[in-house]
Amino acid sequence: MSAQEPKTLRLLFPQWQGGYDETEFSGQIYAFGARLLAFLAPKSEALTIEVPVPAWHEGVDASEEGGVFFRSALRAQAQAATKILQEHRPDRVLTFGGDCLVSQSPLAYLNERSEGKLGVLWIDAHPDITTPKDFNHAHAMVLGNLLGYGEPALAGLVKRPLCPEQITYVGVDNMFSHETAFLAEHNLNRIGSSAVRADSGPVLEWITKSGFERVFIHLDIDVLDPAFFRSQLFANPDVNEYIESEHGKLRLQEVARLLKDVDRATTVVGMSIAEYMPWDALNLKKMLAALSFMH
């Protein structure tokens, strides 16, 4: 690595306690997805460190604290991730998660490091500014925490909260009433799915006008249309009931083009990929594990 090249750290963050899964094995898919993402990523000389996350096991007590499941565990994991970042002081952080809360520590670290001069591209079907009074799964609170709202015990870990003008959403089309009110109150910029379907113009225009020389990307896999990309929450083959939440509308090739265009237009100093839920791969893994002759 030359002196001019950024120091990159890859975080493997198999966090599952903040997520939502209607199956009886609620902790397995998030951790498995994080590890598979890290495997799928291109080989790199960058250091990879795994954030310590207790593995899910059958019969685990899903304790609710202050209206949030696993709050103490999530707080401890966020602190562990922050400690890793502070010890290694990377210029770029690539995070393989896990539920959406994995973005909190890397983004908080990079925002503090850049003294708030960081653009945030939040590619997601949901705004992630929920509070415990609306929902009890912390993955829906992560951006709220980073803005200084969300869940108080987790938001309190963010030393330098984001400002609303740093953020642009991509893919958030429809919302619950409390989410709509929050975005309006804080004047958060939002680019709908249809606006980036043909080209990346609106996002590139935001990058140019904002003046941010560095950008962090949060990519929630559920921004993708579940009819075409099945490894996500809304395409669980074992759940027939409709989940009362917005589904993504973008195709993988549209998101891929957008990311490449952003990569060419600015300096990406961080990216988190979250909520990758490879149901078929996990079920195949379980099938093989049940065969005595495989061991």
Foldseek 3Di string as FASTA:
>chain_A
DDPPDFQEEEEQEAEQLLDDAPDQQRSPQWNVQSVVVVVPDDDDPHHYDYQDADGDDHPDDQDFDPLATPPVRLLVSLVSVLVVCVVVVTQFYEYRTDAQLVVQNVVLVNCVVVVQLEAEEEEDQAPLCDASVVHHRNSSRNLVLLQQHHYNSSVVVRPDHHQLLRYEYELHDDDDPVRVVVCVVRVHHYDHPVNQQVHLVVVLVSCVVSVRQEYEYEAEPQLAACVAPVQARQNQPVDDDHDPGDGHHHHPVSVVRNVVVVVVRHHYRYYYYGGGGHNVVVVVVVVLVVDPVSD
